[in-house]
């Protein structure tokens, strides 16, 4: 498994070699690691949607 290299345009072929337990996305060839929302964000979103 390899991690994204800086200053390189990445493709889906690169993406599928990255660790599955990390949340990555590629936009215009640039990799971005996605972060999970914090509990405060989830709670506020739930309230705004009329949830619990």
Protein backbone atom coordinates (compact mmCIF):
# COMPACT_ATOMS: atom_id res chain seq x y z
CA UNK A 1 0.00 0.00 0.00
CA UNK A 2 1.32 3.39 -0.90
CA UNK A 3 0.25 6.83 0.21
CA UNK A 4 -0.31 9.79 -2.13
CA UNK A 5 2.82 11.58 -3.32
CA UNK A 6 2.94 15.35 -3.38
CA UNK A 7 3.17 17.23 -6.71
CA UNK A 8 1.73 14.35 -8.74
CA UNK A 9 -1.59 14.05 -10.59
CA UNK A 10 -3.31 10.97 -9.19
CA UNK A 11 -5.76 8.60 -10.84
CA UNK A 12 -8.23 5.97 -9.74
CA UNK A 13 -5.49 3.38 -10.24
CA UNK A 14 -3.47 5.20 -7.54
CA UNK A 15 -6.53 5.55 -5.30
CA UNK A 16 -7.23 1.82 -5.13
CA UNK A 17 -3.72 1.17 -3.79
CA UNK A 18 -4.20 3.46 -0.77
CA UNK A 19 -5.24 2.10 2.67
CA UNK A 20 -8.92 1.14 2.79
CA UNK A 21 -9.36 2.37 6.36
CA UNK A 22 -8.60 5.98 5.32
CA UNK A 23 -11.10 8.21 3.57
CA UNK A 24 -9.52 9.75 0.48
CA UNK A 25 -10.95 11.46 -2.57
CA UNK A 26 -9.27 12.77 -5.71
CA UNK A 27 -10.31 16.10 -7.20
CA UNK A 28 -8.61 17.10 -10.45
CA UNK A 29 -5.78 14.68 -9.69
CA UNK A 30 -5.15 16.09 -6.19
CA UNK A 31 -5.75 13.75 -3.22
CA UNK A 32 -7.70 15.03 -0.22
CA UNK A 33 -8.18 13.14 3.02
CA UNK A 34 -11.76 13.35 4.25
CA UNK A 35 -12.34 13.88 7.91
CA UNK A 36 -15.29 12.51 9.82
CA UNK A 37 -17.67 15.11 11.24
CA UNK A 38 -17.36 15.76 14.96
CA UNK A 39 -20.26 14.79 17.24
CA UNK A 40 -21.25 18.46 17.62
CA UNK A 41 -21.76 18.75 13.88
CA UNK A 42 -23.80 15.55 13.80
CA UNK A 43 -25.96 16.72 16.71
CA UNK A 44 -26.69 20.12 15.13
CA UNK A 45 -27.41 18.54 11.74
CA UNK A 46 -29.84 16.15 13.38
CA UNK A 47 -31.64 19.02 15.14
CA UNK A 48 -31.90 21.04 11.92
CA UNK A 49 -33.42 18.03 10.14
CA UNK A 50 -35.99 17.57 12.89
CA UNK A 51 -34.37 14.43 14.29
CA UNK A 52 -34.01 13.21 17.86
